Amino acid sequence: MPEADQAVLVRAESSGGVRTIALDSPHNANALSTALLTQLRAALAAAISEPDVRVVLLTATGTVFCAGADLKEARTNPGGAPGLMTGVIELLWEGPKPVICRVNGAARAGGIGLVAACDLAIAVDRASFAFSEVRIGVVPAVISVPCLRRMPSRAAAEYFLTGEVFGARRAAEIGLVTSAVAATDLDAEVARYAALLLRGAPGARRRLQGVPSHRGQRASSVWDTRGQRKG
């Protein structure tokens, strides 16, 4: 949990076996600062450890889901966020409980990594996506692990190399999200999937992780904490 004098950037609440975790830093488009990632990792770990939580729902407040890295912070503390991001991706990707991502708006760079690491992702149809790292001369690094498990290689090359913005319908076509729906239908569609997941036996996701094609490599086994490829 945040220190008493620290801003709350991630909020969590439970209802009917579903733990909703919301990025709550709309002033900077929910950018992935060290403080936000620290709180997100703690919230995910708490959800995983609590037996009454059966499904995790990741979303955000405001009109943007996540703008990616906090570039202002990165200029003064370049090593802080990447290591934390690896831990967050691993909790989403490898945790024993199913995770739904409610994509309420635009996602960029690391924000797309959060989307890709979740089991299901329901996006509002006005959401847009872009791997904007190329514009500042870096590579997607940690997030490439879940993204490349979701996207065809041609689509990944296209968007990783160009940084072109694409819409939610296109994101669904290439497997980055499960579906794209109208804003008026977003909450109902998320609730429908949550209800379906609650019908499953506890621990089913962990057993699925033993199937080679289901989850794939660990993020930390491919990228070190500086975002450099190992090997």
Protein backbone atom coordinates (compact mmCIF):
# COMPACT_ATOMS: atom_id res chain seq x y z
CA MET A 1 0.00 0.00 0.00
CA PRO A 2 1.17 3.61 -0.58
CA GLU A 3 2.79 5.54 2.25
CA ALA A 4 0.48 7.92 4.11
CA ASP A 5 1.93 10.94 2.32
CA GLN A 6 2.07 9.27 -1.12
CA ALA A 7 -0.57 9.83 -3.78
CA VAL A 8 -2.84 6.88 -4.46
CA LEU A 9 -2.30 6.02 -8.13
CA VAL A 10 -3.92 2.57 -8.18
CA ARG A 11 -7.27 1.76 -6.60
CA ALA A 12 -8.78 -1.64 -5.89
CA GLU A 13 -12.19 -2.89 -4.87
CA SER A 14 -13.91 -6.28 -4.78
CA SER A 15 -17.40 -7.42 -5.61
CA GLY A 16 -18.73 -10.93 -6.08
CA GLY A 17 -15.34 -12.57 -6.45
CA VAL A 18 -14.00 -9.96 -8.91
CA ARG A 19 -11.18 -7.65 -7.84
CA THR A 20 -11.17 -4.47 -9.92
CA ILE A 21 -7.80 -2.75 -10.08
CA ALA A 22 -7.83 0.70 -11.66
CA LEU A 23 -4.93 2.89 -12.73
CA ASP A 24 -5.86 6.25 -11.24
CA SER A 25 -3.41 8.86 -12.45
CA PRO A 26 -5.47 10.69 -15.09
CA HIS A 27 -3.44 13.89 -14.78
CA ASN A 28 -0.64 12.22 -16.76
CA ALA A 29 -2.76 9.74 -18.72
CA ASN A 30 -1.98 6.93 -16.27
CA ALA A 31 1.69 6.93 -17.25
CA LEU A 32 3.79 4.09 -15.87
CA SER A 33 5.84 5.86 -13.23
CA THR A 34 7.78 3.95 -10.59
CA ALA A 35 5.15 4.92 -8.01
CA LEU A 36 2.25 3.69 -10.14
CA LEU A 37 4.02 0.44 -11.06
CA THR A 38 4.94 -0.19 -7.42
CA GLN A 39 1.31 0.24 -6.38
CA LEU A 40 0.05 -1.84 -9.32
CA ARG A 41 2.40 -4.69 -8.49
CA ALA A 42 1.26 -4.62 -4.85
CA ALA A 43 -2.42 -4.58 -5.86
CA LEU A 44 -1.96 -7.54 -8.22
CA ALA A 45 -0.03 -9.52 -5.62
CA ALA A 46 -2.76 -8.87 -3.06
CA ALA A 47 -5.47 -10.00 -5.47
CA ILE A 48 -3.56 -13.20 -6.23
CA SER A 49 -3.06 -13.99 -2.54
CA GLU A 50 -6.68 -13.53 -1.46
CA PRO A 51 -8.74 -16.72 -1.81
CA ASP A 52 -12.05 -14.89 -2.21
CA VAL A 53 -10.79 -13.20 -5.39
CA ARG A 54 -11.53 -15.41 -8.39
CA VAL A 55 -11.12 -12.96 -11.27
CA VAL A 56 -8.99 -9.83 -11.65
CA LEU A 57 -10.23 -6.89 -13.71
CA LEU A 58 -7.65 -4.31 -14.80
CA THR A 59 -8.87 -0.92 -16.01
CA ALA A 60 -8.20 2.80 -15.62
CA THR A 61 -9.89 6.05 -14.72
CA GLY A 62 -10.25 8.95 -17.13
CA THR A 63 -10.49 8.76 -20.90
CA VAL A 64 -7.06 7.17 -21.51
CA PHE A 65 -6.16 3.65 -20.46
CA CYS A 66 -2.38 4.14 -20.27
CA ALA A 67 0.08 6.40 -22.06
CA GLY A 68 3.06 4.10 -21.48
CA ALA A 69 6.25 5.09 -19.70
CA ASP A 70 6.48 8.25 -17.66
CA LEU A 71 9.03 9.94 -19.93
CA LYS A 72 9.54 12.89 -17.61
CA GLU A 73 10.55 10.58 -14.79
CA ALA A 74 12.64 8.42 -17.14
CA ARG A 75 14.95 11.35 -17.85
CA THR A 76 15.99 11.50 -14.18
CA ASN A 77 15.53 7.86 -13.15
CA PRO A 78 15.95 5.69 -16.27
CA GLY A 79 16.47 2.42 -14.40
CA GLY A 80 13.47 2.47 -12.07
CA ALA A 81 10.44 1.56 -14.13
CA PRO A 82 11.71 -1.24 -16.44
CA GLY A 83 12.44 -3.65 -13.60
CA LEU A 84 9.08 -2.94 -12.01
CA MET A 85 7.35 -3.39 -15.35
CA THR A 86 8.84 -6.86 -15.72
CA GLY A 87 7.37 -7.83 -12.36
CA VAL A 88 3.93 -6.48 -13.27
CA ILE A 89 3.91 -8.28 -16.62
CA GLU A 90 4.86 -11.53 -14.92
CA LEU A 91 2.05 -11.22 -12.37
CA LEU A 92 -0.48 -10.62 -15.13
CA TRP A 93 0.92 -13.28 -17.45
CA GLU A 94 1.76 -16.02 -14.97
CA GLY A 95 -0.57 -15.49 -12.02
CA PRO A 96 -3.02 -18.26 -11.07
CA LYS A 97 -6.15 -16.17 -11.58
CA PRO A 98 -7.68 -15.05 -14.88
CA VAL A 99 -7.31 -11.36 -15.73
CA ILE A 100 -9.64 -9.27 -17.87
CA CYS A 101 -8.45 -5.91 -19.20
CA ARG A 102 -11.15 -3.28 -19.63
CA VAL A 103 -9.53 -0.93 -22.12
CA ASN A 104 -11.42 2.32 -21.58
CA GLY A 105 -9.34 4.47 -23.95
CA ALA A 106 -6.04 4.93 -25.72
CA ALA A 107 -3.07 2.71 -24.94
CA ARG A 108 0.50 3.45 -25.94
CA ALA A 109 3.78 1.55 -25.59
CA GLY A 110 3.91 -0.05 -22.14
CA GLY A 111 0.18 0.40 -21.80
CA ILE A 112 -0.25 -2.07 -24.66
CA GLY A 113 1.98 -4.47 -22.77
CA LEU A 114 -0.51 -4.46 -19.89
CA VAL A 115 -3.32 -5.19 -22.33
CA ALA A 116 -1.45 -8.05 -24.01
CA ALA A 117 -0.47 -9.67 -20.71
CA CYS A 118 -4.10 -10.10 -19.64
CA ASP A 119 -6.03 -13.23 -20.60
CA LEU A 120 -8.93 -11.29 -22.10
CA ALA A 121 -9.06 -7.68 -23.24
CA ILE A 122 -12.27 -5.83 -24.07
CA ALA A 123 -11.67 -2.44 -25.67
CA VAL A 124 -14.02 0.44 -26.24
CA ASP A 125 -14.24 0.97 -29.99
CA ARG A 126 -12.89 4.52 -29.79
CA ALA A 127 -9.64 3.29 -28.19
CA SER A 128 -6.44 3.66 -30.18
CA PHE A 129 -3.11 1.89 -29.91
CA ALA A 130 0.49 2.61 -30.92
CA PHE A 131 3.94 1.25 -30.17
CA SER A 132 5.36 4.73 -29.86
CA GLU A 133 8.79 3.61 -28.61
CA VAL A 134 10.26 3.80 -32.11
CA ARG A 135 9.63 7.55 -32.18
CA ILE A 136 12.12 8.07 -29.36
CA GLY A 137 14.65 5.51 -30.57
CA VAL A 138 13.95 2.58 -28.24
CA VAL A 139 12.44 -0.89 -28.68
CA PRO A 140 9.33 -2.33 -26.97
CA ALA A 141 11.62 -4.48 -24.78
CA VAL A 142 9.72 -6.11 -21.88
CA ILE A 143 6.30 -5.79 -23.50
CA SER A 144 7.37 -7.58 -26.67
CA VAL A 145 7.07 -10.90 -24.82
CA PRO A 146 3.28 -10.82 -24.31
CA CYS A 147 2.65 -8.80 -27.46
CA LEU A 148 4.43 -11.29 -29.72
CA ARG A 149 2.37 -14.08 -28.13
CA ARG A 150 -0.81 -12.29 -29.21
CA MET A 151 0.05 -10.71 -32.58
CA PRO A 152 1.02 -12.23 -35.93
CA SER A 153 4.66 -11.50 -36.73
CA ARG A 154 3.79 -9.36 -39.78
CA ALA A 155 1.50 -7.14 -37.73
CA ALA A 156 4.10 -6.87 -34.99
CA ALA A 157 6.78 -5.81 -37.45
CA GLU A 158 4.44 -3.28 -39.04
CA TYR A 159 3.47 -1.54 -35.83
CA PHE A 160 6.74 -1.94 -33.91
CA LEU A 161 8.72 -0.40 -36.78
CA THR A 162 6.34 2.37 -37.84
CA GLY A 163 4.74 3.44 -34.58
CA GLU A 164 1.54 3.91 -36.58
CA VAL A 165 -1.67 4.47 -34.62
CA PHE A 166 -4.34 1.80 -35.12
CA GLY A 167 -7.85 1.42 -33.81
CA ALA A 168 -9.61 -1.03 -31.54
CA ARG A 169 -11.20 -2.96 -34.43
CA ARG A 170 -7.77 -3.52 -35.95
CA ALA A 171 -6.42 -4.51 -32.53
CA ALA A 172 -9.10 -7.21 -32.38
CA GLU A 173 -8.26 -8.39 -35.91
CA ILE A 174 -4.62 -9.00 -34.98
CA GLY A 175 -5.39 -10.62 -31.63
CA LEU A 176 -4.13 -7.83 -29.40
CA VAL A 177 -7.58 -7.53 -27.81
CA THR A 178 -10.41 -10.02 -27.57
CA SER A 179 -13.08 -7.68 -28.90
CA ALA A 180 -13.92 -4.04 -29.52
CA VAL A 181 -17.35 -2.80 -28.45
CA ALA A 182 -19.30 0.43 -28.29
CA ALA A 183 -18.85 2.52 -25.14
CA THR A 184 -22.43 1.78 -24.13
CA ASP A 185 -21.70 -1.96 -24.26
CA LEU A 186 -18.27 -2.01 -22.61
CA ASP A 187 -19.28 -2.68 -19.02
CA ALA A 188 -21.89 -5.27 -19.98
CA GLU A 189 -19.39 -7.18 -22.12
CA VAL A 190 -16.77 -7.11 -19.37
CA ALA A 191 -19.37 -8.32 -16.86
CA ARG A 192 -20.38 -11.13 -19.23
CA TYR A 193 -16.82 -12.42 -19.45
CA ALA A 194 -16.33 -12.08 -15.68
CA ALA A 195 -19.45 -14.17 -15.08
CA LEU A 196 -18.19 -16.83 -17.48
CA LEU A 197 -14.81 -16.96 -15.75
CA LEU A 198 -16.44 -17.23 -12.32
CA ARG A 199 -18.11 -20.43 -13.51
CA GLY A 200 -14.71 -22.05 -13.98
CA ALA A 201 -13.12 -24.10 -11.22
CA PRO A 202 -10.59 -22.24 -9.05
CA GLY A 203 -7.06 -22.91 -10.26
CA ALA A 204 -8.10 -23.72 -13.84
CA ARG A 205 -5.79 -21.05 -15.22
CA ARG A 206 -2.81 -22.47 -13.37
CA ARG A 207 -3.47 -25.87 -14.89
CA LEU A 208 -3.72 -24.29 -18.35
CA GLN A 209 -0.26 -22.83 -17.84
CA GLY A 210 1.08 -26.36 -18.14
CA VAL A 211 -0.09 -26.48 -21.76
CA PRO A 212 2.90 -25.27 -23.87
CA SER A 213 0.87 -23.23 -26.33
CA HIS A 214 -1.14 -21.41 -23.67
CA ARG A 215 1.26 -18.96 -22.07
CA GLY A 216 4.84 -19.34 -23.37
CA GLN A 217 8.06 -17.90 -22.04
CA ARG A 218 8.49 -15.87 -18.89
CA ALA A 219 9.14 -12.19 -19.46
CA SER A 220 12.20 -12.30 -17.22
CA SER A 221 13.67 -15.23 -19.13
CA VAL A 222 13.84 -13.16 -22.31
CA TRP A 223 14.53 -9.61 -21.11
CA ASP A 224 16.61 -8.39 -18.24
CA THR A 225 15.50 -5.48 -16.05
CA ARG A 226 17.08 -2.89 -18.34
CA GLY A 227 15.03 -4.07 -21.30
CA GLN A 228 18.01 -5.65 -23.04
CA ARG A 229 17.56 -8.98 -24.80
CA LYS A 230 19.41 -11.84 -23.10
CA GLY A 231 21.67 -14.21 -24.99
